[in-house]
Amino acid sequence: MEALLRVEEAAELLKVSRWTVYRLIKERELLSVKVRNGRRVPVESVRDYVRSLIADAA
């Protein structure tokens, strides 16, 4: 099973604010799922986002 990160954890990995993570989720740059009262971001979604940034920079 794929690991899920809290929004704060995803923000820490990406070195951005949690509001930036929420914006990325809203803009569908990052996938997320709702778990109870919060959002969770799959680790693979964070990896895919970073890969897309690298590809765009190349």
PDB file of N, CA and C in Angstrom:
ATOM      1  N   MET A   1       0.829  -1.183   0.000  1.00  0.00           N
ATOM      2  CA  MET A   1       0.000   0.000   0.000  1.00  0.00           C
ATOM      3  C   MET A   1       0.872   1.245   0.000  1.00  0.00           C
ATOM      4  N   GLU A   2       0.426   2.244  -0.721  1.00  0.00           N
ATOM      5  CA  GLU A   2       1.179   3.483  -0.846  1.00  0.00           C
ATOM      6  C   GLU A   2       1.047   4.325   0.422  1.00  0.00           C
ATOM      7  N   ALA A   3       2.139   4.926   0.832  1.00  0.00           N
ATOM      8  CA  ALA A   3       2.113   5.750   2.040  1.00  0.00           C
ATOM      9  C   ALA A   3       1.438   7.091   1.762  1.00  0.00           C
ATOM     10  N   LEU A   4       0.728   7.574   2.749  1.00  0.00           N
ATOM     11  CA  LEU A   4       0.048   8.859   2.641  1.00  0.00           C
ATOM     12  C   LEU A   4       0.687   9.852   3.607  1.00  0.00           C
ATOM     13  N   LEU A   5       0.846  11.072   3.141  1.00  0.00           N
ATOM     14  CA  LEU A   5       1.430  12.138   3.956  1.00  0.00           C
ATOM     15  C   LEU A   5       0.361  13.137   4.362  1.00  0.00           C
ATOM     16  N   ARG A   6       0.465  13.675   5.568  1.00  0.00           N
ATOM     17  CA  ARG A   6      -0.364  14.820   5.926  1.00  0.00           C
ATOM     18  C   ARG A   6       0.098  16.010   5.087  1.00  0.00           C
ATOM     19  N   VAL A   7      -0.754  16.988   4.923  1.00  0.00           N
ATOM     20  CA  VAL A   7      -0.403  18.169   4.126  1.00  0.00           C
ATOM     21  C   VAL A   7       0.871  18.812   4.662  1.00  0.00           C
ATOM     22  N   GLU A   8       0.993  18.887   5.966  1.00  0.00           N
ATOM     23  CA  GLU A   8       2.185  19.487   6.572  1.00  0.00           C
ATOM     24  C   GLU A   8       3.446  18.704   6.217  1.00  0.00           C
ATOM     25  N   GLU A   9       3.344  17.389   6.168  1.00  0.00           N
ATOM     26  CA  GLU A   9       4.498  16.551   5.814  1.00  0.00           C
ATOM     27  C   GLU A   9       4.879  16.741   4.351  1.00  0.00           C
ATOM     28  N   ALA A  10       3.880  16.821   3.475  1.00  0.00           N
ATOM     29  CA  ALA A  10       4.160  17.066   2.058  1.00  0.00           C
ATOM     30  C   ALA A  10       4.820  18.423   1.883  1.00  0.00           C
ATOM     31  N   ALA A  11       4.336  19.421   2.616  1.00  0.00           N
ATOM     32  CA  ALA A  11       4.925  20.760   2.549  1.00  0.00           C
ATOM     33  C   ALA A  11       6.381  20.739   3.002  1.00  0.00           C
ATOM     34  N   GLU A  12       6.654  19.999   4.054  1.00  0.00           N
ATOM     35  CA  GLU A  12       8.023  19.899   4.560  1.00  0.00           C
ATOM     36  C   GLU A  12       8.944  19.249   3.525  1.00  0.00           C
ATOM     37  N   LEU A  13       8.461  18.177   2.894  1.00  0.00           N
ATOM     38  CA  LEU A  13       9.270  17.511   1.864  1.00  0.00           C
ATOM     39  C   LEU A  13       9.572  18.434   0.691  1.00  0.00           C
ATOM     40  N   LEU A  14       8.571  19.222   0.293  1.00  0.00           N
ATOM     41  CA  LEU A  14       8.724  20.112  -0.862  1.00  0.00           C
ATOM     42  C   LEU A  14       9.356  21.447  -0.504  1.00  0.00           C
ATOM     43  N   LYS A  15       9.537  21.690   0.798  1.00  0.00           N
ATOM     44  CA  LYS A  15      10.095  22.962   1.290  1.00  0.00           C
ATOM     45  C   LYS A  15       9.241  24.145   0.861  1.00  0.00           C
ATOM     46  N   VAL A  16       7.908  23.984   1.022  1.00  0.00           N
ATOM     47  CA  VAL A  16       6.948  25.044   0.734  1.00  0.00           C
ATOM     48  C   VAL A  16       5.977  25.131   1.912  1.00  0.00           C
ATOM     49  N   SER A  17       5.119  26.132   1.880  1.00  0.00           N
ATOM     50  CA  SER A  17       4.123  26.262   2.948  1.00  0.00           C
ATOM     51  C   SER A  17       2.987  25.271   2.738  1.00  0.00           C
ATOM     52  N   ARG A  18       2.234  25.025   3.789  1.00  0.00           N
ATOM     53  CA  ARG A  18       1.094  24.118   3.642  1.00  0.00           C
ATOM     54  C   ARG A  18       0.038  24.730   2.738  1.00  0.00           C
ATOM     55  N   TRP A  19      -0.051  26.072   2.713  1.00  0.00           N
ATOM     56  CA  TRP A  19      -1.007  26.734   1.820  1.00  0.00           C
ATOM     57  C   TRP A  19      -0.639  26.491   0.365  1.00  0.00           C
ATOM     58  N   THR A  20       0.652  26.421   0.072  1.00  0.00           N
ATOM     59  CA  THR A  20       1.098  26.105  -1.287  1.00  0.00           C
ATOM     60  C   THR A  20       0.677  24.685  -1.650  1.00  0.00           C
ATOM     61  N   VAL A  21       0.773  23.760  -0.709  1.00  0.00           N
ATOM     62  CA  VAL A  21       0.330  22.387  -0.964  1.00  0.00           C
ATOM     63  C   VAL A  21      -1.168  22.366  -1.242  1.00  0.00           C
ATOM     64  N   TYR A  22      -1.947  23.102  -0.452  1.00  0.00           N
ATOM     65  CA  TYR A  22      -3.393  23.165  -0.707  1.00  0.00           C
ATOM     66  C   TYR A  22      -3.681  23.751  -2.092  1.00  0.00           C
ATOM     67  N   ARG A  23      -2.898  24.755  -2.497  1.00  0.00           N
ATOM     68  CA  ARG A  23      -3.075  25.342  -3.832  1.00  0.00           C
ATOM     69  C   ARG A  23      -2.728  24.333  -4.921  1.00  0.00           C
ATOM     70  N   LEU A  24      -1.655  23.578  -4.727  1.00  0.00           N
ATOM     71  CA  LEU A  24      -1.271  22.545  -5.691  1.00  0.00           C
ATOM     72  C   LEU A  24      -2.340  21.464  -5.795  1.00  0.00           C
ATOM     73  N   ILE A  25      -2.970  21.136  -4.680  1.00  0.00           N
ATOM     74  CA  ILE A  25      -4.062  20.165  -4.692  1.00  0.00           C
ATOM     75  C   ILE A  25      -5.242  20.736  -5.467  1.00  0.00           C
ATOM     76  N   LYS A  26      -5.588  21.980  -5.184  1.00  0.00           N
ATOM     77  CA  LYS A  26      -6.718  22.622  -5.863  1.00  0.00           C
ATOM     78  C   LYS A  26      -6.490  22.710  -7.366  1.00  0.00           C
ATOM     79  N   GLU A  27      -5.250  22.995  -7.767  1.00  0.00           N
ATOM     80  CA  GLU A  27      -4.903  23.110  -9.183  1.00  0.00           C
ATOM     81  C   GLU A  27      -4.606  21.755  -9.817  1.00  0.00           C
ATOM     82  N   ARG A  28      -4.792  20.686  -9.046  1.00  0.00           N
ATOM     83  CA  ARG A  28      -4.595  19.309  -9.502  1.00  0.00           C
ATOM     84  C   ARG A  28      -3.155  18.995  -9.926  1.00  0.00           C
ATOM     85  N   GLU A  29      -2.219  19.707  -9.310  1.00  0.00           N
ATOM     86  CA  GLU A  29      -0.802  19.415  -9.522  1.00  0.00           C
ATOM     87  C   GLU A  29      -0.373  18.263  -8.609  1.00  0.00           C
ATOM     88  N   LEU A  30      -1.054  18.166  -7.465  1.00  0.00           N
ATOM     89  CA  LEU A  30      -0.838  17.072  -6.522  1.00  0.00           C
ATOM     90  C   LEU A  30      -2.167  16.362  -6.308  1.00  0.00           C
ATOM     91  N   LEU A  31      -2.106  15.043  -6.227  1.00  0.00           N
ATOM     92  CA  LEU A  31      -3.299  14.273  -5.904  1.00  0.00           C
ATOM     93  C   LEU A  31      -3.456  14.234  -4.394  1.00  0.00           C
ATOM     94  N   SER A  32      -4.693  14.119  -3.949  1.00  0.00           N
ATOM     95  CA  SER A  32      -4.934  13.960  -2.520  1.00  0.00           C
ATOM     96  C   SER A  32      -6.201  13.156  -2.316  1.00  0.00           C
ATOM     97  N   VAL A  33      -6.314  12.622  -1.120  1.00  0.00           N
ATOM     98  CA  VAL A  33      -7.522  11.907  -0.730  1.00  0.00           C
ATOM     99  C   VAL A  33      -7.975  12.461   0.610  1.00  0.00           C
ATOM    100  N   LYS A  34      -9.269  12.383   0.858  1.00  0.00           N
ATOM    101  CA  LYS A  34      -9.796  12.834   2.136  1.00  0.00           C
ATOM    102  C   LYS A  34      -9.843  11.646   3.092  1.00  0.00           C
ATOM    103  N   VAL A  35      -9.265  11.831   4.248  1.00  0.00           N
ATOM    104  CA  VAL A  35      -9.285  10.819   5.297  1.00  0.00           C
ATOM    105  C   VAL A  35      -9.838  11.494   6.550  1.00  0.00           C
ATOM    106  N   ARG A  36     -11.030  11.087   6.924  1.00  0.00           N
ATOM    107  CA  ARG A  36     -11.746  11.703   8.045  1.00  0.00           C
ATOM    108  C   ARG A  36     -11.863  13.204   7.826  1.00  0.00           C
ATOM    109  N   ASN A  37     -11.214  13.999   8.674  1.00  0.00           N
ATOM    110  CA  ASN A  37     -11.348  15.454   8.583  1.00  0.00           C
ATOM    111  C   ASN A  37     -10.209  16.128   7.830  1.00  0.00           C
ATOM    112  N   GLY A  38      -9.296  15.357   7.285  1.00  0.00           N
ATOM    113  CA  GLY A  38      -8.135  15.969   6.663  1.00  0.00           C
ATOM    114  C   GLY A  38      -7.815  15.411   5.297  1.00  0.00           C
ATOM    115  N   ARG A  39      -6.864  16.028   4.671  1.00  0.00           N
ATOM    116  CA  ARG A  39      -6.364  15.605   3.369  1.00  0.00           C
ATOM    117  C   ARG A  39      -5.071  14.844   3.563  1.00  0.00           C
ATOM    118  N   ARG A  40      -4.866  13.864   2.698  1.00  0.00           N
ATOM    119  CA  ARG A  40      -3.608  13.116   2.682  1.00  0.00           C
ATOM    120  C   ARG A  40      -3.097  13.113   1.243  1.00  0.00           C
ATOM    121  N   VAL A  41      -1.783  13.227   1.111  1.00  0.00           N
ATOM    122  CA  VAL A  41      -1.138  13.269  -0.199  1.00  0.00           C
ATOM    123  C   VAL A  41      -0.300  12.006  -0.356  1.00  0.00           C
ATOM    124  N   PRO A  42      -0.550  11.224  -1.401  1.00  0.00           N
ATOM    125  CA  PRO A  42       0.280  10.038  -1.610  1.00  0.00           C
ATOM    126  C   PRO A  42       1.740  10.433  -1.878  1.00  0.00           C
ATOM    127  N   VAL A  43       2.651   9.680  -1.319  1.00  0.00           N
ATOM    128  CA  VAL A  43       4.082   9.937  -1.528  1.00  0.00           C
ATOM    129  C   VAL A  43       4.395   9.944  -3.027  1.00  0.00           C
ATOM    130  N   GLU A  44       3.801   9.037  -3.761  1.00  0.00           N
ATOM    131  CA  GLU A  44       4.067   8.948  -5.207  1.00  0.00           C
ATOM    132  C   GLU A  44       3.628  10.219  -5.932  1.00  0.00           C
ATOM    133  N   SER A  45       2.577  10.864  -5.453  1.00  0.00           N
ATOM    134  CA  SER A  45       2.131  12.114  -6.058  1.00  0.00           C
ATOM    135  C   SER A  45       3.179  13.212  -5.870  1.00  0.00           C
ATOM    136  N   VAL A  46       3.802  13.254  -4.706  1.00  0.00           N
ATOM    137  CA  VAL A  46       4.873  14.223  -4.461  1.00  0.00           C
ATOM    138  C   VAL A  46       6.054  13.931  -5.388  1.00  0.00           C
ATOM    139  N   ARG A  47       6.408  12.657  -5.519  1.00  0.00           N
ATOM    140  CA  ARG A  47       7.512  12.276  -6.421  1.00  0.00           C
ATOM    141  C   ARG A  47       7.193  12.667  -7.863  1.00  0.00           C
ATOM    142  N   ASP A  48       5.966  12.404  -8.308  1.00  0.00           N
ATOM    143  CA  ASP A  48       5.564  12.762  -9.671  1.00  0.00           C
ATOM    144  C   ASP A  48       5.629  14.267  -9.896  1.00  0.00           C
ATOM    145  N   TYR A  49       5.213  15.028  -8.896  1.00  0.00           N
ATOM    146  CA  TYR A  49       5.253  16.486  -9.012  1.00  0.00           C
ATOM    147  C   TYR A  49       6.698  16.974  -9.166  1.00  0.00           C
ATOM    148  N   VAL A  50       7.597  16.442  -8.364  1.00  0.00           N
ATOM    149  CA  VAL A  50       9.009  16.835  -8.455  1.00  0.00           C
ATOM    150  C   VAL A  50       9.576  16.438  -9.821  1.00  0.00           C
ATOM    151  N   ARG A  51       9.235  15.236 -10.296  1.00  0.00           N
ATOM    152  CA  ARG A  51       9.678  14.810 -11.633  1.00  0.00           C
ATOM    153  C   ARG A  51       9.197  15.779 -12.714  1.00  0.00           C
ATOM    154  N   SER A  52       7.955  16.244 -12.594  1.00  0.00           N
ATOM    155  CA  SER A  52       7.416  17.164 -13.598  1.00  0.00           C
ATOM    156  C   SER A  52       8.147  18.507 -13.552  1.00  0.00           C
ATOM    157  N   LEU A  53       8.524  18.951 -12.355  1.00  0.00           N
ATOM    158  CA  LEU A  53       9.295  20.185 -12.242  1.00  0.00           C
ATOM    159  C   LEU A  53      10.652  20.038 -12.918  1.00  0.00           C
ATOM    160  N   ILE A  54      11.287  18.899 -12.706  1.00  0.00           N
ATOM    161  CA  ILE A  54      12.602  18.644 -13.316  1.00  0.00           C
ATOM    162  C   ILE A  54      12.473  18.566 -14.839  1.00  0.00           C
ATOM    163  N   ALA A  55      11.436  17.881 -15.310  1.00  0.00           N
ATOM    164  CA  ALA A  55      11.230  17.766 -16.757  1.00  0.00           C
ATOM    165  C   ALA A  55      10.961  19.120 -17.391  1.00  0.00           C
ATOM    166  N   ASP A  56      10.193  19.964 -16.705  1.00  0.00           N
ATOM    167  CA  ASP A  56       9.899  21.300 -17.231  1.00  0.00           C
ATOM    168  C   ASP A  56      11.146  22.180 -17.261  1.00  0.00           C
ATOM    169  N   ALA A  57      12.063  21.942 -16.334  1.00  0.00           N
ATOM    170  CA  ALA A  57      13.284  22.746 -16.258  1.00  0.00           C
ATOM    171  C   ALA A  57      14.305  22.339 -17.319  1.00  0.00           C
ATOM    172  N   ALA A  58      14.180  21.111 -17.806  1.00  0.00           N
ATOM    173  CA  ALA A  58      15.167  20.604 -18.772  1.00  0.00           C
ATOM    174  C   ALA A  58      14.950  21.152 -20.164  1.00  0.00           C
TER     175      ALA A  58
END
